[in-house]
Amino acid sequence: MTSTGNGTRAGQQMVAQLRAFHAPLRRDVATLHQALAQLSDAVIDVDRVDGLIQGLTTADLAWQLKSGCQWYCQALEGHHNVEDARMLPVMERAFPALRSRIKTLRQQHEEVLLLLQQVVRASRAMTIDRPETVIQVRDLVAELADSLQTHLALEETTLFPYFLRMDRDWHYG
């Protein structure tokens, strides 16, 4: 086993890789929530809309947020699919004591997926002309952000100590 003071090199790499992927997920969901909060405030105070969309060249802010929400949801769903299909089975085989925690992580993936589907549906219907649609997406993204923060924290506290014990990256089985 190639080990440093804080776990194996392979384990340290896996921790760094997952942190590197989780960081933009956390940052992007927070950004989406902030932007949707501003947009929902602006549709209530229509005079602020111009300030929000000034300088946008591709489309208005609502269109960009719709696209951003849908892209984000697709990326997060793909990330969880990889974890469910590849990473979690490897961890479960290597560390049978993790079975109940892995079951919880999979359940959280299913709960997040349901929220993602709601966000996508709501964001497709979102329009500045109907302020309630913006508020609905904002609220769903806030719920997603909270759920995701809880999930990522559990995933990291559960898996990182076990990653640090592994000689081989989970990508290689």
Protein backbone atom coordinates (compact mmCIF):
# COMPACT_ATOMS: atom_id res chain seq x y z
CA MET A 1 0.00 0.00 0.00
CA THR A 2 1.38 3.39 -0.99
CA SER A 3 0.41 5.60 1.88
CA THR A 4 1.11 9.08 3.14
CA GLY A 5 0.16 10.40 6.56
CA ASN A 6 -3.42 11.09 5.41
CA GLY A 7 -4.28 7.91 3.55
CA THR A 8 -3.20 6.25 0.35
CA ARG A 9 -2.21 8.25 -2.72
CA ALA A 10 -5.08 6.66 -4.65
CA GLY A 11 -7.46 7.60 -1.85
CA GLN A 12 -6.22 11.17 -1.73
CA GLN A 13 -6.70 11.42 -5.48
CA MET A 14 -10.28 10.11 -5.25
CA VAL A 15 -11.09 12.59 -2.49
CA ALA A 16 -9.61 15.44 -4.55
CA GLN A 17 -11.52 14.34 -7.67
CA LEU A 18 -14.88 14.15 -5.90
CA ARG A 19 -14.27 17.48 -4.15
CA ALA A 20 -13.37 19.01 -7.52
CA PHE A 21 -16.66 17.79 -8.97
CA HIS A 22 -18.80 18.69 -5.95
CA ALA A 23 -17.43 22.25 -5.64
CA PRO A 24 -18.97 23.55 -8.90
CA LEU A 25 -22.21 21.67 -8.15
CA ARG A 26 -22.46 23.55 -4.87
CA ARG A 27 -21.40 26.86 -6.40
CA ASP A 28 -23.69 26.58 -9.44
CA VAL A 29 -26.83 25.69 -7.51
CA ALA A 30 -26.18 28.65 -5.20
CA THR A 31 -25.67 30.93 -8.22
CA LEU A 32 -28.86 29.68 -9.88
CA HIS A 33 -30.77 30.28 -6.67
CA GLN A 34 -29.38 33.82 -6.29
CA ALA A 35 -30.12 34.69 -9.92
CA LEU A 36 -33.65 33.30 -9.68
CA ALA A 37 -34.20 35.23 -6.47
CA GLN A 38 -33.14 38.42 -8.25
CA LEU A 39 -35.32 37.59 -11.23
CA SER A 40 -38.34 36.84 -9.03
CA ASP A 41 -37.82 40.18 -7.25
CA ALA A 42 -37.49 41.88 -10.63
CA VAL A 43 -40.71 40.43 -12.04
CA ILE A 44 -42.46 41.75 -9.00
CA ASP A 45 -40.71 45.13 -9.51
CA VAL A 46 -40.71 45.31 -13.32
CA ASP A 47 -38.53 48.45 -13.33
CA ARG A 48 -35.58 46.32 -12.16
CA VAL A 49 -35.77 43.89 -15.12
CA ASP A 50 -33.85 46.21 -17.45
CA GLY A 51 -30.98 46.43 -14.97
CA LEU A 52 -30.79 42.66 -14.74
CA ILE A 53 -30.72 41.99 -18.46
CA GLN A 54 -28.61 44.97 -19.55
CA GLY A 55 -25.67 43.76 -21.57
CA LEU A 56 -26.99 40.26 -22.26
CA THR A 57 -26.49 39.38 -25.90
CA THR A 58 -27.73 35.81 -26.24
CA ALA A 59 -31.14 36.21 -24.70
CA ASP A 60 -32.89 37.62 -21.71
CA LEU A 61 -32.06 36.54 -18.19
CA ALA A 62 -35.09 34.25 -17.91
CA TRP A 63 -34.01 32.33 -21.02
CA GLN A 64 -30.45 32.01 -19.74
CA LEU A 65 -31.67 30.80 -16.36
CA LYS A 66 -34.00 28.26 -18.02
CA SER A 67 -31.05 26.92 -19.99
CA GLY A 68 -28.78 27.04 -16.97
CA CYS A 69 -31.27 25.16 -14.80
CA GLN A 70 -31.78 22.49 -17.41
CA TRP A 71 -28.04 22.08 -18.05
CA TYR A 72 -27.33 21.92 -14.32
CA CYS A 73 -30.03 19.31 -13.74
CA GLN A 74 -28.70 17.17 -16.58
CA ALA A 75 -25.12 17.38 -15.27
CA LEU A 76 -26.13 16.50 -11.71
CA GLU A 77 -28.29 13.57 -12.88
CA GLY A 78 -25.37 12.26 -14.95
CA HIS A 79 -23.03 12.56 -11.97
CA HIS A 80 -25.39 10.56 -9.76
CA ASN A 81 -25.91 7.95 -12.50
CA VAL A 82 -22.15 7.35 -12.63
CA GLU A 83 -22.00 7.07 -8.86
CA ASP A 84 -24.93 4.62 -8.76
CA ALA A 85 -23.66 2.46 -11.62
CA ARG A 86 -19.93 2.50 -10.94
CA MET A 87 -18.65 4.07 -7.73
CA LEU A 88 -21.15 2.84 -5.15
CA PRO A 89 -21.04 -0.83 -6.26
CA VAL A 90 -17.23 -0.77 -6.04
CA MET A 91 -17.35 0.78 -2.57
CA GLU A 92 -20.01 -1.69 -1.43
CA ARG A 93 -17.94 -4.67 -2.59
CA ALA A 94 -14.75 -3.32 -1.05
CA PHE A 95 -16.38 -2.24 2.22
CA PRO A 96 -19.50 -4.27 3.06
CA ALA A 97 -19.94 -2.25 6.26
CA LEU A 98 -21.00 0.67 4.03
CA ARG A 99 -24.12 -1.08 2.71
CA SER A 100 -26.65 0.81 4.84
CA ARG A 101 -24.99 4.17 4.19
CA ILE A 102 -24.80 3.43 0.46
CA LYS A 103 -28.50 2.56 0.53
CA THR A 104 -29.14 5.98 2.08
CA LEU A 105 -26.99 7.69 -0.57
CA ARG A 106 -28.93 5.92 -3.33
CA GLN A 107 -32.24 6.97 -1.74
CA GLN A 108 -30.99 10.55 -1.65
CA HIS A 109 -30.05 10.26 -5.34
CA GLU A 110 -33.65 9.25 -6.06
CA GLU A 111 -35.00 12.17 -3.99
CA VAL A 112 -32.66 14.60 -5.78
CA LEU A 113 -33.74 13.15 -9.14
CA LEU A 114 -37.39 13.88 -8.34
CA LEU A 115 -36.45 17.48 -7.49
CA LEU A 116 -34.39 17.74 -10.68
CA GLN A 117 -37.36 16.60 -12.73
CA GLN A 118 -39.56 19.20 -11.04
CA VAL A 119 -36.98 21.94 -11.67
CA VAL A 120 -36.71 21.00 -15.36
CA ARG A 121 -40.49 20.96 -15.82
CA ALA A 122 -40.94 24.25 -14.01
CA SER A 123 -38.02 25.94 -15.76
CA ARG A 124 -39.39 24.96 -19.17
CA ALA A 125 -42.61 26.79 -18.29
CA MET A 126 -40.87 29.79 -16.72
CA THR A 127 -41.49 33.18 -18.27
CA ILE A 128 -41.18 36.76 -17.06
CA ASP A 129 -44.75 37.31 -18.23
CA ARG A 130 -45.92 34.93 -15.50
CA PRO A 131 -44.11 35.91 -12.28
CA GLU A 132 -45.47 32.88 -10.42
CA THR A 133 -43.45 30.62 -12.75
CA VAL A 134 -40.21 32.38 -11.80
CA ILE A 135 -41.06 32.14 -8.12
CA GLN A 136 -41.86 28.43 -8.49
CA VAL A 137 -38.47 27.72 -10.10
CA ARG A 138 -36.70 29.85 -7.49
CA ASP A 139 -38.35 27.90 -4.67
CA LEU A 140 -37.62 24.52 -6.27
CA VAL A 141 -33.97 25.45 -6.80
CA ALA A 142 -33.76 26.54 -3.15
CA GLU A 143 -35.16 23.16 -2.11
CA LEU A 144 -32.72 21.42 -4.46
CA ALA A 145 -29.81 23.42 -3.04
CA ASP A 146 -30.70 22.41 0.52
CA SER A 147 -31.20 18.78 -0.40
CA LEU A 148 -27.99 18.69 -2.40
CA GLN A 149 -25.93 20.25 0.40
CA THR A 150 -27.19 17.61 2.82
CA HIS A 151 -26.52 14.82 0.33
CA LEU A 152 -23.01 15.96 -0.64
CA ALA A 153 -22.03 16.34 3.01
CA LEU A 154 -23.22 12.81 3.81
CA GLU A 155 -21.55 11.40 0.71
CA GLU A 156 -18.23 13.02 1.54
CA THR A 157 -18.23 12.13 5.25
CA THR A 158 -19.26 8.56 4.40
CA LEU A 159 -16.94 7.83 1.50
CA PHE A 160 -13.81 9.92 2.00
CA PRO A 161 -12.45 7.92 4.97
CA TYR A 162 -12.88 4.72 2.92
CA PHE A 163 -11.34 6.25 -0.19
CA LEU A 164 -8.26 7.02 1.88
CA ARG A 165 -7.87 3.32 2.66
CA MET A 166 -7.97 2.19 -0.97
CA ASP A 167 -4.89 1.29 -3.02
CA ARG A 168 -6.72 1.61 -6.29
CA ASP A 169 -9.06 4.22 -7.73
CA TRP A 170 -12.72 3.10 -7.79
CA HIS A 171 -12.77 3.88 -11.54
CA TYR A 172 -10.72 0.71 -12.05
CA GLY A 173 -13.02 -1.52 -10.03
